[in-house]
Amino acid sequence: MFDCVLPTRSGRNGQAFTHHGPINIRNAKFAEDQGPIDDR
């Protein structure tokens, strides 16, 4: 069993967890990225 505020707190601050590692959705490279947060 586990608990942690990380997925909720990080999410509110712009960090998304994905199968390919975490990404910062604030980064400029995502401004015109038409893919989903995580393609899987």
PDB file of all heavy atoms in Angstrom:
ATOM      1  N   MET A   1       0.839  -1.202   0.000  1.00  0.00           N
ATOM      2  CA  MET A   1       0.000   0.000   0.000  1.00  0.00           C
ATOM      3  C   MET A   1       0.875   1.254   0.000  1.00  0.00           C
ATOM      4  O   MET A   1       1.942   1.270   0.620  1.00  0.00           O
ATOM      5  CB  MET A   1      -0.922   0.017   1.229  1.00  0.00           C
ATOM      6  CG  MET A   1      -1.883  -1.141   1.310  1.00  0.00           C
ATOM      7  SD  MET A   1      -2.758  -1.203   2.894  1.00  0.00           S
ATOM      8  CE  MET A   1      -3.812   0.272   2.770  1.00  0.00           C
ATOM      9  N   PHE A   2       0.375   2.283  -0.667  1.00  0.00           N
ATOM     10  CA  PHE A   2       1.091   3.554  -0.786  1.00  0.00           C
ATOM     11  C   PHE A   2       0.113   4.720  -0.710  1.00  0.00           C
ATOM     12  O   PHE A   2      -1.067   4.577  -1.040  1.00  0.00           O
ATOM     13  CB  PHE A   2       1.803   3.651  -2.139  1.00  0.00           C
ATOM     14  CG  PHE A   2       2.763   2.545  -2.442  1.00  0.00           C
ATOM     15  CD1 PHE A   2       2.324   1.386  -3.075  1.00  0.00           C
ATOM     16  CD2 PHE A   2       4.100   2.647  -2.100  1.00  0.00           C
ATOM     17  CE1 PHE A   2       3.203   0.348  -3.368  1.00  0.00           C
ATOM     18  CE2 PHE A   2       4.988   1.622  -2.392  1.00  0.00           C
ATOM     19  CZ  PHE A   2       4.536   0.469  -3.020  1.00  0.00           C
ATOM     20  N   ASP A   3       0.638   5.889  -0.328  1.00  0.00           N
ATOM     21  CA  ASP A   3      -0.079   7.156  -0.498  1.00  0.00           C
ATOM     22  C   ASP A   3       0.948   8.235  -0.784  1.00  0.00           C
ATOM     23  O   ASP A   3       2.099   8.135  -0.340  1.00  0.00           O
ATOM     24  CB  ASP A   3      -0.867   7.536   0.766  1.00  0.00           C
ATOM     25  CG  ASP A   3       0.037   8.185   1.815  1.00  0.00           C
ATOM     26  OD1 ASP A   3       0.732   7.456   2.553  1.00  0.00           O
ATOM     27  OD2 ASP A   3       0.088   9.435   1.877  1.00  0.00           O
ATOM     28  N   CYS A   4       0.561   9.238  -1.527  1.00  0.00           N
ATOM     29  CA  CYS A   4       1.466  10.358  -1.779  1.00  0.00           C
ATOM     30  C   CYS A   4       0.682  11.497  -2.426  1.00  0.00           C
ATOM     31  O   CYS A   4      -0.240  11.261  -3.203  1.00  0.00           O
ATOM     32  CB  CYS A   4       2.604   9.928  -2.712  1.00  0.00           C
ATOM     33  SG  CYS A   4       3.945  11.135  -2.823  1.00  0.00           S
ATOM     34  N   VAL A   5       1.079  12.743  -2.099  1.00  0.00           N
ATOM     35  CA  VAL A   5       0.443  13.909  -2.721  1.00  0.00           C
ATOM     36  C   VAL A   5       1.018  14.199  -4.104  1.00  0.00           C
ATOM     37  O   VAL A   5       0.520  15.078  -4.809  1.00  0.00           O
ATOM     38  CB  VAL A   5       0.599  15.175  -1.839  1.00  0.00           C
ATOM     39  CG1 VAL A   5      -0.076  14.992  -0.495  1.00  0.00           C
ATOM     40  CG2 VAL A   5       2.075  15.546  -1.662  1.00  0.00           C
ATOM     41  N   LEU A   6       2.054  13.472  -4.501  1.00  0.00           N
ATOM     42  CA  LEU A   6       2.795  13.822  -5.715  1.00  0.00           C
ATOM     43  C   LEU A   6       1.931  13.912  -6.979  1.00  0.00           C
ATOM     44  O   LEU A   6       2.019  14.907  -7.706  1.00  0.00           O
ATOM     45  CB  LEU A   6       3.938  12.828  -5.913  1.00  0.00           C
ATOM     46  CG  LEU A   6       5.078  13.300  -6.818  1.00  0.00           C
ATOM     47  CD1 LEU A   6       5.747  14.535  -6.252  1.00  0.00           C
ATOM     48  CD2 LEU A   6       6.099  12.186  -6.997  1.00  0.00           C
ATOM     49  N   PRO A   7       1.096  12.913  -7.297  1.00  0.00           N
ATOM     50  CA  PRO A   7       0.351  13.030  -8.560  1.00  0.00           C
ATOM     51  C   PRO A   7      -0.607  14.215  -8.582  1.00  0.00           C
ATOM     52  O   PRO A   7      -0.813  14.817  -9.648  1.00  0.00           O
ATOM     53  CB  PRO A   7      -0.403  11.699  -8.656  1.00  0.00           C
ATOM     54  CG  PRO A   7      -0.420  11.144  -7.274  1.00  0.00           C
ATOM     55  CD  PRO A   7       0.835  11.639  -6.616  1.00  0.00           C
ATOM     56  N   THR A   8      -1.191  14.572  -7.436  1.00  0.00           N
ATOM     57  CA  THR A   8      -2.123  15.694  -7.410  1.00  0.00           C
ATOM     58  C   THR A   8      -1.382  17.028  -7.330  1.00  0.00           C
ATOM     59  O   THR A   8      -1.634  17.933  -8.120  1.00  0.00           O
ATOM     60  CB  THR A   8      -3.103  15.547  -6.238  1.00  0.00           C
ATOM     61  OG1 THR A   8      -2.381  15.247  -5.036  1.00  0.00           O
ATOM     62  CG2 THR A   8      -4.090  14.431  -6.501  1.00  0.00           C
ATOM     63  N   ARG A   9      -0.443  17.142  -6.405  1.00  0.00           N
ATOM     64  CA  ARG A   9       0.294  18.409  -6.255  1.00  0.00           C
ATOM     65  C   ARG A   9       1.119  18.723  -7.486  1.00  0.00           C
ATOM     66  O   ARG A   9       1.116  19.857  -7.982  1.00  0.00           O
ATOM     67  CB  ARG A   9       1.189  18.342  -5.008  1.00  0.00           C
ATOM     68  CG  ARG A   9       1.991  19.621  -4.767  1.00  0.00           C
ATOM     69  CD  ARG A   9       2.849  19.491  -3.523  1.00  0.00           C
ATOM     70  NE  ARG A   9       2.040  19.433  -2.307  1.00  0.00           N
ATOM     71  CZ  ARG A   9       2.523  19.073  -1.114  1.00  0.00           C
ATOM     72  NH1 ARG A   9       3.798  18.733  -0.982  1.00  0.00           N
ATOM     73  NH2 ARG A   9       1.733  19.068  -0.049  1.00  0.00           N
ATOM     74  N   SER A  10       1.829  17.706  -8.005  1.00  0.00           N
ATOM     75  CA  SER A  10       2.641  17.937  -9.199  1.00  0.00           C
ATOM     76  C   SER A  10       1.775  18.302 -10.393  1.00  0.00           C
ATOM     77  O   SER A  10       2.145  19.155 -11.200  1.00  0.00           O
ATOM     78  CB  SER A  10       3.466  16.686  -9.526  1.00  0.00           C
ATOM     79  OG  SER A  10       4.432  16.459  -8.536  1.00  0.00           O
ATOM     80  N   GLY A  11       0.612  17.647 -10.481  1.00  0.00           N
ATOM     81  CA  GLY A  11      -0.287  17.950 -11.586  1.00  0.00           C
ATOM     82  C   GLY A  11      -0.717  19.403 -11.592  1.00  0.00           C
ATOM     83  O   GLY A  11      -0.714  20.071 -12.636  1.00  0.00           O
ATOM     84  N   ARG A  12      -1.073  19.899 -10.413  1.00  0.00           N
ATOM     85  CA  ARG A  12      -1.506  21.307 -10.336  1.00  0.00           C
ATOM     86  C   ARG A  12      -0.379  22.255 -10.714  1.00  0.00           C
ATOM     87  O   ARG A  12      -0.622  23.383 -11.155  1.00  0.00           O
ATOM     88  CB  ARG A  12      -2.001  21.625  -8.911  1.00  0.00           C
ATOM     89  CG  ARG A  12      -3.222  20.842  -8.493  1.00  0.00           C
ATOM     90  CD  ARG A  12      -3.864  21.418  -7.241  1.00  0.00           C
ATOM     91  NE  ARG A  12      -2.978  21.531  -6.097  1.00  0.00           N
ATOM     92  CZ  ARG A  12      -2.695  20.556  -5.230  1.00  0.00           C
ATOM     93  NH1 ARG A  12      -3.221  19.347  -5.415  1.00  0.00           N
ATOM     94  NH2 ARG A  12      -1.908  20.766  -4.192  1.00  0.00           N
ATOM     95  N   ASN A  13       0.864  21.801 -10.548  1.00  0.00           N
ATOM     96  CA  ASN A  13       2.015  22.651 -10.844  1.00  0.00           C
ATOM     97  C   ASN A  13       2.607  22.394 -12.230  1.00  0.00           C
ATOM     98  O   ASN A  13       3.656  22.936 -12.563  1.00  0.00           O
ATOM     99  CB  ASN A  13       3.092  22.459  -9.770  1.00  0.00           C
ATOM    100  CG  ASN A  13       2.659  23.040  -8.426  1.00  0.00           C
ATOM    101  OD1 ASN A  13       2.119  24.137  -8.375  1.00  0.00           O
ATOM    102  ND2 ASN A  13       2.879  22.303  -7.352  1.00  0.00           N
ATOM    103  N   GLY A  14       1.937  21.547 -13.022  1.00  0.00           N
ATOM    104  CA  GLY A  14       2.352  21.394 -14.412  1.00  0.00           C
ATOM    105  C   GLY A  14       3.152  20.154 -14.732  1.00  0.00           C
ATOM    106  O   GLY A  14       3.555  19.972 -15.886  1.00  0.00           O
ATOM    107  N   GLN A  15       3.389  19.270 -13.751  1.00  0.00           N
ATOM    108  CA  GLN A  15       4.135  18.039 -14.046  1.00  0.00           C
ATOM    109  C   GLN A  15       3.168  16.898 -14.325  1.00  0.00           C
ATOM    110  O   GLN A  15       2.307  16.595 -13.495  1.00  0.00           O
ATOM    111  CB  GLN A  15       5.067  17.655 -12.890  1.00  0.00           C
ATOM    112  CG  GLN A  15       5.930  16.427 -13.228  1.00  0.00           C
ATOM    113  CD  GLN A  15       6.860  16.017 -12.107  1.00  0.00           C
ATOM    114  OE1 GLN A  15       6.436  15.811 -10.981  1.00  0.00           O
ATOM    115  NE2 GLN A  15       8.145  15.918 -12.416  1.00  0.00           N
ATOM    116  N   ALA A  16       3.319  16.279 -15.482  1.00  0.00           N
ATOM    117  CA  ALA A  16       2.503  15.124 -15.840  1.00  0.00           C
ATOM    118  C   ALA A  16       3.377  13.884 -15.835  1.00  0.00           C
ATOM    119  O   ALA A  16       4.519  13.901 -16.310  1.00  0.00           O
ATOM    120  CB  ALA A  16       1.882  15.323 -17.225  1.00  0.00           C
ATOM    121  N   PHE A  17       2.844  12.787 -15.302  1.00  0.00           N
ATOM    122  CA  PHE A  17       3.548  11.515 -15.324  1.00  0.00           C
ATOM    123  C   PHE A  17       3.095  10.726 -16.546  1.00  0.00           C
ATOM    124  O   PHE A  17       1.905  10.657 -16.851  1.00  0.00           O
ATOM    125  CB  PHE A  17       3.276  10.738 -14.033  1.00  0.00           C
ATOM    126  CG  PHE A  17       3.841  11.423 -12.821  1.00  0.00           C
ATOM    127  CD1 PHE A  17       3.032  12.231 -12.022  1.00  0.00           C
ATOM    128  CD2 PHE A  17       5.184  11.311 -12.511  1.00  0.00           C
ATOM    129  CE1 PHE A  17       3.554  12.893 -10.923  1.00  0.00           C
ATOM    130  CE2 PHE A  17       5.719  11.974 -11.416  1.00  0.00           C
ATOM    131  CZ  PHE A  17       4.913  12.760 -10.616  1.00  0.00           C
ATOM    132  N   THR A  18       4.061  10.156 -17.267  1.00  0.00           N
ATOM    133  CA  THR A  18       3.754   9.396 -18.473  1.00  0.00           C
ATOM    134  C   THR A  18       4.590   8.117 -18.507  1.00  0.00           C
ATOM    135  O   THR A  18       5.543   7.958 -17.743  1.00  0.00           O
ATOM    136  CB  THR A  18       4.056  10.209 -19.759  1.00  0.00           C
ATOM    137  OG1 THR A  18       5.469  10.126 -20.048  1.00  0.00           O
ATOM    138  CG2 THR A  18       3.656  11.672 -19.616  1.00  0.00           C
ATOM    139  N   HIS A  19       4.223   7.221 -19.412  1.00  0.00           N
ATOM    140  CA  HIS A  19       4.994   5.987 -19.575  1.00  0.00           C
ATOM    141  C   HIS A  19       6.434   6.270 -19.988  1.00  0.00           C
ATOM    142  O   HIS A  19       7.317   5.422 -19.802  1.00  0.00           O
ATOM    143  CB  HIS A  19       4.330   5.094 -20.630  1.00  0.00           C
ATOM    144  CG  HIS A  19       3.094   4.414 -20.159  1.00  0.00           C
ATOM    145  ND1 HIS A  19       1.856   5.035 -20.139  1.00  0.00           N
ATOM    146  CD2 HIS A  19       2.889   3.163 -19.673  1.00  0.00           C
ATOM    147  CE1 HIS A  19       0.949   4.195 -19.672  1.00  0.00           C
ATOM    148  NE2 HIS A  19       1.537   3.050 -19.387  1.00  0.00           N
ATOM    149  N   HIS A  20       6.672   7.445 -20.551  1.00  0.00           N
ATOM    150  CA  HIS A  20       8.005   7.799 -21.042  1.00  0.00           C
ATOM    151  C   HIS A  20       8.732   8.732 -20.088  1.00  0.00           C
ATOM    152  O   HIS A  20       9.683   9.411 -20.469  1.00  0.00           O
ATOM    153  CB  HIS A  20       7.884   8.446 -22.424  1.00  0.00           C
ATOM    154  CG  HIS A  20       6.999   7.684 -23.363  1.00  0.00           C
ATOM    155  ND1 HIS A  20       7.353   6.461 -23.893  1.00  0.00           N
ATOM    156  CD2 HIS A  20       5.751   7.954 -23.841  1.00  0.00           C
ATOM    157  CE1 HIS A  20       6.367   6.013 -24.660  1.00  0.00           C
ATOM    158  NE2 HIS A  20       5.389   6.894 -24.651  1.00  0.00           N
ATOM    159  N   GLY A  21       8.263   8.780 -18.838  1.00  0.00           N
ATOM    160  CA  GLY A  21       8.874   9.664 -17.852  1.00  0.00           C
ATOM    161  C   GLY A  21       8.033  10.913 -17.639  1.00  0.00           C
ATOM    162  O   GLY A  21       7.105  11.204 -18.412  1.00  0.00           O
ATOM    163  N   PRO A  22       8.326  11.670 -16.584  1.00  0.00           N
ATOM    164  CA  PRO A  22       7.551  12.887 -16.305  1.00  0.00           C
ATOM    165  C   PRO A  22       7.874  13.997 -17.296  1.00  0.00           C
ATOM    166  O   PRO A  22       8.995  14.087 -17.804  1.00  0.00           O
ATOM    167  CB  PRO A  22       8.003  13.263 -14.882  1.00  0.00           C
ATOM    168  CG  PRO A  22       9.360  12.667 -14.729  1.00  0.00           C
ATOM    169  CD  PRO A  22       9.382  11.430 -15.580  1.00  0.00           C
ATOM    170  N   ILE A  23       6.870  14.826 -17.587  1.00  0.00           N
ATOM    171  CA  ILE A  23       7.085  15.998 -18.445  1.00  0.00           C
ATOM    172  C   ILE A  23       6.537  17.235 -17.737  1.00  0.00           C
ATOM    173  O   ILE A  23       5.624  17.137 -16.921  1.00  0.00           O
ATOM    174  CB  ILE A  23       6.397  15.853 -19.821  1.00  0.00           C
ATOM    175  CG1 ILE A  23       4.871  15.733 -19.678  1.00  0.00           C
ATOM    176  CG2 ILE A  23       6.969  14.653 -20.580  1.00  0.00           C
ATOM    177  CD1 ILE A  23       4.120  15.795 -21.002  1.00  0.00           C
ATOM    178  N   ASN A  24       7.126  18.375 -18.053  1.00  0.00           N
ATOM    179  CA  ASN A  24       6.610  19.655 -17.550  1.00  0.00           C
ATOM    180  C   ASN A  24       5.794  20.288 -18.668  1.00  0.00           C
ATOM    181  O   ASN A  24       6.354  20.808 -19.637  1.00  0.00           O
ATOM    182  CB  ASN A  24       7.754  20.569 -17.120  1.00  0.00           C
ATOM    183  CG  ASN A  24       7.253  21.859 -16.490  1.00  0.00           C
ATOM    184  OD1 ASN A  24       6.067  22.190 -16.584  1.00  0.00           O
ATOM    185  ND2 ASN A  24       8.140  22.608 -15.852  1.00  0.00           N
ATOM    186  N   ILE A  25       4.486  20.238 -18.533  1.00  0.00           N
ATOM    187  CA  ILE A  25       3.591  20.694 -19.596  1.00  0.00           C
ATOM    188  C   ILE A  25       3.696  22.197 -19.824  1.00  0.00           C
ATOM    189  O   ILE A  25       3.246  22.705 -20.860  1.00  0.00           O
ATOM    190  CB  ILE A  25       2.121  20.290 -19.279  1.00  0.00           C
ATOM    191  CG1 ILE A  25       1.280  20.198 -20.571  1.00  0.00           C
ATOM    192  CG2 ILE A  25       1.487  21.244 -18.281  1.00  0.00           C
ATOM    193  CD1 ILE A  25       1.613  19.022 -21.425  1.00  0.00           C
ATOM    194  N   ARG A  26       4.325  22.920 -18.904  1.00  0.00           N
ATOM    195  CA  ARG A  26       4.534  24.361 -19.077  1.00  0.00           C
ATOM    196  C   ARG A  26       5.577  24.674 -20.156  1.00  0.00           C
ATOM    197  O   ARG A  26       5.616  25.791 -20.676  1.00  0.00           O
ATOM    198  CB  ARG A  26       5.020  24.991 -17.758  1.00  0.00           C
ATOM    199  CG  ARG A  26       3.985  25.062 -16.658  1.00  0.00           C
ATOM    200  CD  ARG A  26       4.611  25.651 -15.390  1.00  0.00           C
ATOM    201  NE  ARG A  26       3.617  25.893 -14.369  1.00  0.00           N
ATOM    202  CZ  ARG A  26       2.886  27.009 -14.265  1.00  0.00           C
ATOM    203  NH1 ARG A  26       3.066  27.975 -15.153  1.00  0.00           N
ATOM    204  NH2 ARG A  26       2.004  27.158 -13.314  1.00  0.00           N
ATOM    205  N   ASN A  27       6.432  23.707 -20.443  1.00  0.00           N
ATOM    206  CA  ASN A  27       7.535  23.974 -21.362  1.00  0.00           C
ATOM    207  C   ASN A  27       7.039  24.425 -22.735  1.00  0.00           C
ATOM    208  O   ASN A  27       6.049  23.917 -23.261  1.00  0.00           O
ATOM    209  CB  ASN A  27       8.421  22.726 -21.528  1.00  0.00           C
ATOM    210  CG  ASN A  27       9.249  22.457 -20.279  1.00  0.00           C
ATOM    211  OD1 ASN A  27       9.302  23.287 -19.362  1.00  0.00           O
ATOM    212  ND2 ASN A  27       9.896  21.301 -20.230  1.00  0.00           N
ATOM    213  N   ALA A  28       7.764  25.378 -23.316  1.00  0.00           N
ATOM    214  CA  ALA A  28       7.348  26.004 -24.574  1.00  0.00           C
ATOM    215  C   ALA A  28       7.194  24.990 -25.706  1.00  0.00           C
ATOM    216  O   ALA A  28       6.379  25.188 -26.618  1.00  0.00           O
ATOM    217  CB  ALA A  28       8.361  27.082 -24.975  1.00  0.00           C
ATOM    218  N   LYS A  29       7.935  23.891 -25.638  1.00  0.00           N
ATOM    219  CA  LYS A  29       7.884  22.915 -26.741  1.00  0.00           C
ATOM    220  C   LYS A  29       6.519  22.242 -26.870  1.00  0.00           C
ATOM    221  O   LYS A  29       6.229  21.615 -27.890  1.00  0.00           O
ATOM    222  CB  LYS A  29       8.970  21.867 -26.578  1.00  0.00           C
ATOM    223  CG  LYS A  29       8.808  20.944 -25.381  1.00  0.00           C
ATOM    224  CD  LYS A  29       9.956  19.928 -25.367  1.00  0.00           C
ATOM    225  CE  LYS A  29       9.846  18.961 -24.213  1.00  0.00           C
ATOM    226  NZ  LYS A  29      10.949  17.976 -24.225  1.00  0.00           N
ATOM    227  N   PHE A  30       5.665  22.382 -25.837  1.00  0.00           N
ATOM    228  CA  PHE A  30       4.334  21.774 -25.892  1.00  0.00           C
ATOM    229  C   PHE A  30       3.258  22.748 -26.381  1.00  0.00           C
ATOM    230  O   PHE A  30       2.098  22.370 -26.513  1.00  0.00           O
ATOM    231  CB  PHE A  30       3.941  21.229 -24.518  1.00  0.00           C
ATOM    232  CG  PHE A  30       4.862  20.146 -24.024  1.00  0.00           C
ATOM    233  CD1 PHE A  30       5.535  20.283 -22.821  1.00  0.00           C
ATOM    234  CD2 PHE A  30       5.062  18.993 -24.770  1.00  0.00           C
ATOM    235  CE1 PHE A  30       6.390  19.288 -22.361  1.00  0.00           C
ATOM    236  CE2 PHE A  30       5.919  17.989 -24.328  1.00  0.00           C
ATOM    237  CZ  PHE A  30       6.589  18.145 -23.124  1.00  0.00           C
ATOM    238  N   ALA A  31       3.637  23.989 -26.680  1.00  0.00           N
ATOM    239  CA  ALA A  31       2.654  25.029 -27.004  1.00  0.00           C
ATOM    240  C   ALA A  31       1.821  24.695 -28.239  1.00  0.00           C
ATOM    241  O   ALA A  31       0.660  25.110 -28.342  1.00  0.00           O
ATOM    242  CB  ALA A  31       3.353  26.374 -27.201  1.00  0.00           C
ATOM    243  N   GLU A  32       2.396  23.937 -29.170  1.00  0.00           N
ATOM    244  CA  GLU A  32       1.652  23.572 -30.372  1.00  0.00           C
ATOM    245  C   GLU A  32       1.670  22.059 -30.602  1.00  0.00           C
ATOM    246  O   GLU A  32       1.465  21.593 -31.729  1.00  0.00           O
ATOM    247  CB  GLU A  32       2.196  24.325 -31.590  1.00  0.00           C
ATOM    248  CG  GLU A  32       2.018  25.836 -31.470  1.00  0.00           C
ATOM    249  CD  GLU A  32       2.396  26.588 -32.737  1.00  0.00           C
ATOM    250  OE1 GLU A  32       2.459  25.956 -33.816  1.00  0.00           O
ATOM    251  OE2 GLU A  32       2.616  27.804 -32.645  1.00  0.00           O
ATOM    252  N   ASP A  33       1.872  21.318 -29.533  1.00  0.00           N
ATOM    253  CA  ASP A  33       1.930  19.850 -29.607  1.00  0.00           C
ATOM    254  C   ASP A  33       0.507  19.294 -29.579  1.00  0.00           C
ATOM    255  O   ASP A  33      -0.205  19.410 -28.578  1.00  0.00           O
ATOM    256  CB  ASP A  33       2.745  19.323 -28.416  1.00  0.00           C
ATOM    257  CG  ASP A  33       3.031  17.831 -28.502  1.00  0.00           C
ATOM    258  OD1 ASP A  33       2.224  17.101 -29.125  1.00  0.00           O
ATOM    259  OD2 ASP A  33       4.043  17.391 -27.925  1.00  0.00           O
ATOM    260  N   GLN A  34       0.089  18.672 -30.681  1.00  0.00           N
ATOM    261  CA  GLN A  34      -1.287  18.196 -30.792  1.00  0.00           C
ATOM    262  C   GLN A  34      -1.478  16.744 -30.350  1.00  0.00           C
ATOM    263  O   GLN A  34      -2.562  16.179 -30.518  1.00  0.00           O
ATOM    264  CB  GLN A  34      -1.780  18.393 -32.223  1.00  0.00           C
ATOM    265  CG  GLN A  34      -1.837  19.873 -32.614  1.00  0.00           C
ATOM    266  CD  GLN A  34      -2.572  20.100 -33.916  1.00  0.00           C
ATOM    267  OE1 GLN A  34      -3.756  19.785 -34.029  1.00  0.00           O
ATOM    268  NE2 GLN A  34      -1.863  20.628 -34.910  1.00  0.00           N
ATOM    269  N   GLY A  35      -0.455  16.161 -29.751  1.00  0.00           N
ATOM    270  CA  GLY A  35      -0.585  14.810 -29.217  1.00  0.00           C
ATOM    271  C   GLY A  35      -1.171  14.832 -27.814  1.00  0.00           C
ATOM    272  O   GLY A  35      -1.279  15.888 -27.174  1.00  0.00           O
ATOM    273  N   PRO A  36      -1.571  13.674 -27.295  1.00  0.00           N
ATOM    274  CA  PRO A  36      -2.070  13.588 -25.921  1.00  0.00           C
ATOM    275  C   PRO A  36      -0.925  13.704 -24.921  1.00  0.00           C
ATOM    276  O   PRO A  36       0.249  13.573 -25.295  1.00  0.00           O
ATOM    277  CB  PRO A  36      -2.703  12.200 -25.874  1.00  0.00           C
ATOM    278  CG  PRO A  36      -1.910  11.397 -26.854  1.00  0.00           C
ATOM    279  CD  PRO A  36      -1.541  12.347 -27.956  1.00  0.00           C
ATOM    280  N   ILE A  37      -1.263  13.938 -23.660  1.00  0.00           N
ATOM    281  CA  ILE A  37      -0.231  13.999 -22.619  1.00  0.00           C
ATOM    282  C   ILE A  37       0.623  12.744 -22.660  1.00  0.00           C
ATOM    283  O   ILE A  37       1.848  12.797 -22.577  1.00  0.00           O
ATOM    284  CB  ILE A  37      -0.867  14.192 -21.226  1.00  0.00           C
ATOM    285  CG1 ILE A  37      -1.517  15.579 -21.117  1.00  0.00           C
ATOM    286  CG2 ILE A  37       0.177  14.011 -20.130  1.00  0.00           C
ATOM    287  CD1 ILE A  37      -2.278  15.802 -19.822  1.00  0.00           C
ATOM    288  N   ASP A  38      -0.017  11.580 -22.810  1.00  0.00           N
ATOM    289  CA  ASP A  38       0.689  10.293 -22.843  1.00  0.00           C
ATOM    290  C   ASP A  38       0.033   9.440 -23.923  1.00  0.00           C
ATOM    291  O   ASP A  38      -1.149   9.124 -23.853  1.00  0.00           O
ATOM    292  CB  ASP A  38       0.576   9.611 -21.467  1.00  0.00           C
ATOM    293  CG  ASP A  38       1.338   8.301 -21.376  1.00  0.00           C
ATOM    294  OD1 ASP A  38       1.814   7.799 -22.424  1.00  0.00           O
ATOM    295  OD2 ASP A  38       1.444   7.760 -20.261  1.00  0.00           O
ATOM    296  N   ASP A  39       0.802   9.072 -24.932  1.00  0.00           N
ATOM    297  CA  ASP A  39       0.226   8.347 -26.068  1.00  0.00           C
ATOM    298  C   ASP A  39      -0.187   6.913 -25.721  1.00  0.00           C
ATOM    299  O   ASP A  39      -0.806   6.228 -26.540  1.00  0.00           O
ATOM    300  CB  ASP A  39       1.195   8.343 -27.262  1.00  0.00           C
ATOM    301  CG  ASP A  39       2.548   7.717 -26.940  1.00  0.00           C
ATOM    302  OD1 ASP A  39       2.705   7.136 -25.837  1.00  0.00           O
ATOM    303  OD2 ASP A  39       3.464   7.815 -27.791  1.00  0.00           O
ATOM    304  N   ARG A  40       0.127   6.451 -24.516  1.00  0.00           N
ATOM    305  CA  ARG A  40      -0.289   5.106 -24.105  1.00  0.00           C
ATOM    306  C   ARG A  40      -1.292   5.133 -22.953  1.00  0.00           C
ATOM    307  O   ARG A  40      -1.547   4.114 -22.329  1.00  0.00           O
ATOM    308  CB  ARG A  40       0.946   4.288 -23.689  1.00  0.00           C
ATOM    309  CG  ARG A  40       1.784   3.848 -24.879  1.00  0.00           C
ATOM    310  CD  ARG A  40       3.085   3.206 -24.459  1.00  0.00           C
ATOM    311  NE  ARG A  40       2.897   2.151 -23.461  1.00  0.00           N
ATOM    312  CZ  ARG A  40       3.902   1.618 -22.777  1.00  0.00           C
ATOM    313  NH1 ARG A  40       5.139   2.037 -22.976  1.00  0.00           N
ATOM    314  NH2 ARG A  40       3.666   0.663 -21.882  1.00  0.00           N
TER     315      ARG A  40
END
